[in-house]
Amino acid sequence: FEAKYVATAMSISSQVNWACNFIVGLVFPYLQESLGALSFVPFAVVLLMTIIFVIVWLPETKGTTPSELRDDIVRSLSTMLALSGDSTNNEDHSSSVGNPIDVEWRRAMDDLRRQEEEDMQRGTFNYGFQPIEQNPVDAETDWRTRVGGDTGM
């Protein structure tokens, strides 16, 4: 998947993993008390259902690039997407298909980038830096005075 989603997905999956581990830790003593040697059967059933789900419903993505995968998902869900062909000035907003706020945000950011590039080419872009004022250094603020007491004379 796109790099901008990886950190969020990893964070969510880690949190879900820890939450499930916490639940297993709470429930397992009661399962062992009531089921004895068969206390692992519920976990085996969940694992079996997960394997069946993966084999039957999840597509194989080995050897598929993220853009091909995204295009395939967009194509398969095209009936649900309201903005499937929406673009401005032939720009690619395909990663934000279906989310009008994201499309609008991308358009605004593209416009801002374009304006900044035009200002840079004209030499009128404000980089946000303030000029450094050249004040004479007082003996009290001089680093030699603060560190060693030397006035530098």
C-alpha atoms as a PDB file:
ATOM      1  CA  PHE A   1       0.000   0.000   0.000  1.00  0.00           C
ATOM      2  CA  GLU A   2       1.005   3.634  -0.267  1.00  0.00           C
ATOM      3  CA  ALA A   3       3.597   4.732   2.249  1.00  0.00           C
ATOM      4  CA  LYS A   4       1.335   7.394   3.738  1.00  0.00           C
ATOM      5  CA  TYR A   5      -1.022   4.675   5.030  1.00  0.00           C
ATOM      6  CA  VAL A   6       1.587   2.212   6.321  1.00  0.00           C
ATOM      7  CA  ALA A   7       2.274   3.929   9.666  1.00  0.00           C
ATOM      8  CA  THR A   8      -1.430   4.263  10.483  1.00  0.00           C
ATOM      9  CA  ALA A   9      -2.169   0.674   9.496  1.00  0.00           C
ATOM     10  CA  MET A  10       0.769  -0.636  11.543  1.00  0.00           C
ATOM     11  CA  SER A  11      -0.341   1.396  14.555  1.00  0.00           C
ATOM     12  CA  ILE A  12      -3.930   0.144  14.353  1.00  0.00           C
ATOM     13  CA  SER A  13      -2.890  -3.469  13.805  1.00  0.00           C
ATOM     14  CA  SER A  14      -0.497  -3.292  16.764  1.00  0.00           C
ATOM     15  CA  GLN A  15      -3.235  -1.894  19.001  1.00  0.00           C
ATOM     16  CA  VAL A  16      -5.708  -4.568  17.886  1.00  0.00           C
ATOM     17  CA  ASN A  17      -3.065  -7.246  18.481  1.00  0.00           C
ATOM     18  CA  TRP A  18      -2.424  -6.036  22.035  1.00  0.00           C
ATOM     19  CA  ALA A  19      -6.158  -5.756  22.747  1.00  0.00           C
ATOM     20  CA  CYS A  20      -6.711  -9.331  21.554  1.00  0.00           C
ATOM     21  CA  ASN A  21      -3.763 -10.558  23.629  1.00  0.00           C
ATOM     22  CA  PHE A  22      -5.268  -8.833  26.664  1.00  0.00           C
ATOM     23  CA  ILE A  23      -8.642 -10.521  26.061  1.00  0.00           C
ATOM     24  CA  VAL A  24      -6.988 -13.925  25.619  1.00  0.00           C
ATOM     25  CA  GLY A  25      -5.070 -13.378  28.849  1.00  0.00           C
ATOM     26  CA  LEU A  26      -8.300 -12.611  30.692  1.00  0.00           C
ATOM     27  CA  VAL A  27     -10.363 -15.426  29.203  1.00  0.00           C
ATOM     28  CA  PHE A  28      -7.864 -18.298  29.077  1.00  0.00           C
ATOM     29  CA  PRO A  29      -7.828 -19.135  32.815  1.00  0.00           C
ATOM     30  CA  TYR A  30     -11.621 -19.557  32.732  1.00  0.00           C
ATOM     31  CA  LEU A  31     -11.402 -21.689  29.558  1.00  0.00           C
ATOM     32  CA  GLN A  32      -8.758 -23.898  31.109  1.00  0.00           C
ATOM     33  CA  GLU A  33     -10.796 -24.240  34.278  1.00  0.00           C
ATOM     34  CA  SER A  34     -13.967 -25.234  32.416  1.00  0.00           C
ATOM     35  CA  LEU A  35     -12.573 -27.107  29.364  1.00  0.00           C
ATOM     36  CA  GLY A  36      -9.400 -28.590  30.810  1.00  0.00           C
ATOM     37  CA  ALA A  37      -7.304 -30.213  28.085  1.00  0.00           C
ATOM     38  CA  LEU A  38      -9.664 -28.883  25.394  1.00  0.00           C
ATOM     39  CA  SER A  39      -9.031 -25.234  26.296  1.00  0.00           C
ATOM     40  CA  PHE A  40      -7.268 -24.629  22.977  1.00  0.00           C
ATOM     41  CA  VAL A  41     -10.222 -25.793  20.849  1.00  0.00           C
ATOM     42  CA  PRO A  42     -11.915 -22.335  20.671  1.00  0.00           C
ATOM     43  CA  PHE A  43      -8.644 -20.825  19.447  1.00  0.00           C
ATOM     44  CA  ALA A  44      -8.243 -23.578  16.851  1.00  0.00           C
ATOM     45  CA  VAL A  45     -11.796 -22.912  15.604  1.00  0.00           C
ATOM     46  CA  VAL A  46     -11.072 -19.172  15.233  1.00  0.00           C
ATOM     47  CA  LEU A  47      -7.819 -19.985  13.416  1.00  0.00           C
ATOM     48  CA  LEU A  48      -9.619 -22.372  11.050  1.00  0.00           C
ATOM     49  CA  MET A  49     -12.284 -19.756  10.275  1.00  0.00           C
ATOM     50  CA  THR A  50      -9.536 -17.197   9.583  1.00  0.00           C
ATOM     51  CA  ILE A  51      -7.752 -19.556   7.191  1.00  0.00           C
ATOM     52  CA  ILE A  52     -11.009 -20.235   5.319  1.00  0.00           C
ATOM     53  CA  PHE A  53     -11.705 -16.489   5.090  1.00  0.00           C
ATOM     54  CA  VAL A  54      -8.235 -15.779   3.688  1.00  0.00           C
ATOM     55  CA  ILE A  55      -8.397 -18.578   1.125  1.00  0.00           C
ATOM     56  CA  VAL A  56     -11.940 -17.851  -0.067  1.00  0.00           C
ATOM     57  CA  TRP A  57     -12.351 -14.072   0.078  1.00  0.00           C
ATOM     58  CA  LEU A  58      -8.963 -12.323   0.017  1.00  0.00           C
ATOM     59  CA  PRO A  59      -7.345 -11.793  -3.397  1.00  0.00           C
ATOM     60  CA  GLU A  60      -3.758 -12.806  -4.147  1.00  0.00           C
ATOM     61  CA  THR A  61      -1.584  -9.670  -4.393  1.00  0.00           C
ATOM     62  CA  LYS A  62       1.857 -11.213  -4.848  1.00  0.00           C
ATOM     63  CA  GLY A  63       3.699  -9.507  -7.696  1.00  0.00           C
ATOM     64  CA  THR A  64       1.164  -6.654  -7.845  1.00  0.00           C
ATOM     65  CA  THR A  65       2.360  -3.078  -7.558  1.00  0.00           C
ATOM     66  CA  PRO A  66       0.490  -0.759  -5.187  1.00  0.00           C
ATOM     67  CA  SER A  67      -0.869   1.293  -8.082  1.00  0.00           C
ATOM     68  CA  GLU A  68      -2.154  -1.847  -9.855  1.00  0.00           C
ATOM     69  CA  LEU A  69      -3.780  -3.009  -6.629  1.00  0.00           C
ATOM     70  CA  ARG A  70      -5.380   0.409  -6.079  1.00  0.00           C
ATOM     71  CA  ASP A  71      -6.659   0.480  -9.673  1.00  0.00           C
ATOM     72  CA  ASP A  72      -8.089  -3.030  -9.263  1.00  0.00           C
ATOM     73  CA  ILE A  73      -9.863  -2.053  -6.033  1.00  0.00           C
ATOM     74  CA  VAL A  74     -11.220   1.143  -7.606  1.00  0.00           C
ATOM     75  CA  ARG A  75     -12.415  -0.832 -10.624  1.00  0.00           C
ATOM     76  CA  SER A  76     -14.151  -3.439  -8.457  1.00  0.00           C
ATOM     77  CA  LEU A  77     -15.814  -0.808  -6.285  1.00  0.00           C
ATOM     78  CA  SER A  78     -16.610   1.644  -9.086  1.00  0.00           C
ATOM     79  CA  THR A  79     -20.355   1.338  -8.575  1.00  0.00           C
ATOM     80  CA  MET A  80     -19.974   2.633  -5.012  1.00  0.00           C
ATOM     81  CA  LEU A  81     -17.698   5.555  -5.845  1.00  0.00           C
ATOM     82  CA  ALA A  82     -19.282   8.913  -6.506  1.00  0.00           C
ATOM     83  CA  LEU A  83     -16.227  10.687  -7.927  1.00  0.00           C
ATOM     84  CA  SER A  84     -14.554   7.954  -9.997  1.00  0.00           C
ATOM     85  CA  GLY A  85     -13.535  10.220 -12.915  1.00  0.00           C
ATOM     86  CA  ASP A  86     -13.195  13.551 -11.130  1.00  0.00           C
ATOM     87  CA  SER A  87     -10.019  15.501 -11.829  1.00  0.00           C
ATOM     88  CA  THR A  88      -8.984  19.080 -12.321  1.00  0.00           C
ATOM     89  CA  ASN A  89      -6.681  20.096 -15.169  1.00  0.00           C
ATOM     90  CA  ASN A  90      -6.057  16.417 -15.954  1.00  0.00           C
ATOM     91  CA  GLU A  91      -4.282  15.933 -12.633  1.00  0.00           C
ATOM     92  CA  ASP A  92      -4.306  12.521 -10.993  1.00  0.00           C
ATOM     93  CA  HIS A  93      -6.460  12.405  -7.874  1.00  0.00           C
ATOM     94  CA  SER A  94      -7.101   8.667  -8.114  1.00  0.00           C
ATOM     95  CA  SER A  95      -5.877   7.945  -4.595  1.00  0.00           C
ATOM     96  CA  SER A  96      -8.605  10.202  -3.210  1.00  0.00           C
ATOM     97  CA  VAL A  97     -11.436   8.779  -5.288  1.00  0.00           C
ATOM     98  CA  GLY A  98     -14.643   8.550  -3.321  1.00  0.00           C
ATOM     99  CA  ASN A  99     -13.701  11.072  -0.663  1.00  0.00           C
ATOM    100  CA  PRO A 100     -14.847  14.564  -1.703  1.00  0.00           C
ATOM    101  CA  ILE A 101     -13.035  16.255   1.167  1.00  0.00           C
ATOM    102  CA  ASP A 102      -9.756  14.618   0.165  1.00  0.00           C
ATOM    103  CA  VAL A 103     -10.280  15.584  -3.480  1.00  0.00           C
ATOM    104  CA  GLU A 104     -10.956  19.199  -2.492  1.00  0.00           C
ATOM    105  CA  TRP A 105      -7.932  19.218  -0.177  1.00  0.00           C
ATOM    106  CA  ARG A 106      -5.684  17.892  -2.943  1.00  0.00           C
ATOM    107  CA  ARG A 107      -6.974  20.525  -5.361  1.00  0.00           C
ATOM    108  CA  ALA A 108      -6.306  23.288  -2.828  1.00  0.00           C
ATOM    109  CA  MET A 109      -2.800  21.955  -2.138  1.00  0.00           C
ATOM    110  CA  ASP A 110      -2.086  21.686  -5.884  1.00  0.00           C
ATOM    111  CA  ASP A 111      -3.249  25.285  -6.372  1.00  0.00           C
ATOM    112  CA  LEU A 112      -1.105  26.461  -3.459  1.00  0.00           C
ATOM    113  CA  ARG A 113       1.926  24.592  -4.806  1.00  0.00           C
ATOM    114  CA  ARG A 114       1.377  26.076  -8.254  1.00  0.00           C
ATOM    115  CA  GLN A 115       1.105  29.613  -6.818  1.00  0.00           C
ATOM    116  CA  GLU A 116       4.262  29.139  -4.752  1.00  0.00           C
ATOM    117  CA  GLU A 117       6.180  27.868  -7.785  1.00  0.00           C
ATOM    118  CA  GLU A 118       5.057  30.896  -9.806  1.00  0.00           C
ATOM    119  CA  ASP A 119       6.136  33.225  -6.986  1.00  0.00           C
ATOM    120  CA  MET A 120       9.518  31.457  -6.800  1.00  0.00           C
ATOM    121  CA  GLN A 121      10.037  31.918 -10.541  1.00  0.00           C
ATOM    122  CA  ARG A 122       9.159  35.636 -10.262  1.00  0.00           C
ATOM    123  CA  GLY A 123      11.408  35.983  -7.207  1.00  0.00           C
ATOM    124  CA  THR A 124       8.581  37.184  -4.972  1.00  0.00           C
ATOM    125  CA  PHE A 125       8.132  34.077  -2.829  1.00  0.00           C
ATOM    126  CA  ASN A 126       8.220  34.708   0.927  1.00  0.00           C
ATOM    127  CA  TYR A 127      10.197  31.847   2.451  1.00  0.00           C
ATOM    128  CA  GLY A 128       9.088  32.890   5.929  1.00  0.00           C
ATOM    129  CA  PHE A 129      12.538  33.986   7.069  1.00  0.00           C
ATOM    130  CA  GLN A 130      13.061  37.214   8.938  1.00  0.00           C
ATOM    131  CA  PRO A 131      16.300  39.111   8.320  1.00  0.00           C
ATOM    132  CA  ILE A 132      18.818  38.794  11.131  1.00  0.00           C
ATOM    133  CA  GLU A 133      19.481  42.128  12.723  1.00  0.00           C
ATOM    134  CA  GLN A 134      23.134  42.880  13.296  1.00  0.00           C
ATOM    135  CA  ASN A 135      23.268  44.095  16.884  1.00  0.00           C
ATOM    136  CA  PRO A 136      26.567  44.714  18.599  1.00  0.00           C
ATOM    137  CA  VAL A 137      27.329  41.948  21.080  1.00  0.00           C
ATOM    138  CA  ASP A 138      27.190  43.131  24.675  1.00  0.00           C
ATOM    139  CA  ALA A 139      29.819  41.867  27.084  1.00  0.00           C
ATOM    140  CA  GLU A 140      27.063  40.418  29.268  1.00  0.00           C
ATOM    141  CA  THR A 141      25.659  38.251  26.476  1.00  0.00           C
ATOM    142  CA  ASP A 142      28.985  37.283  24.940  1.00  0.00           C
ATOM    143  CA  TRP A 143      29.586  33.543  25.356  1.00  0.00           C
ATOM    144  CA  ARG A 144      33.088  34.077  26.669  1.00  0.00           C
ATOM    145  CA  THR A 145      31.710  36.179  29.493  1.00  0.00           C
ATOM    146  CA  ARG A 146      29.031  33.665  30.383  1.00  0.00           C
ATOM    147  CA  VAL A 147      31.335  30.654  30.254  1.00  0.00           C
ATOM    148  CA  GLY A 148      34.701  31.776  31.489  1.00  0.00           C
ATOM    149  CA  GLY A 149      34.343  35.351  32.612  1.00  0.00           C
ATOM    150  CA  ASP A 150      36.756  36.468  29.892  1.00  0.00           C
ATOM    151  CA  THR A 151      35.835  39.813  28.322  1.00  0.00           C
ATOM    152  CA  GLY A 152      37.793  39.031  25.185  1.00  0.00           C
ATOM    153  CA  MET A 153      40.095  42.061  25.538  1.00  0.00           C
END
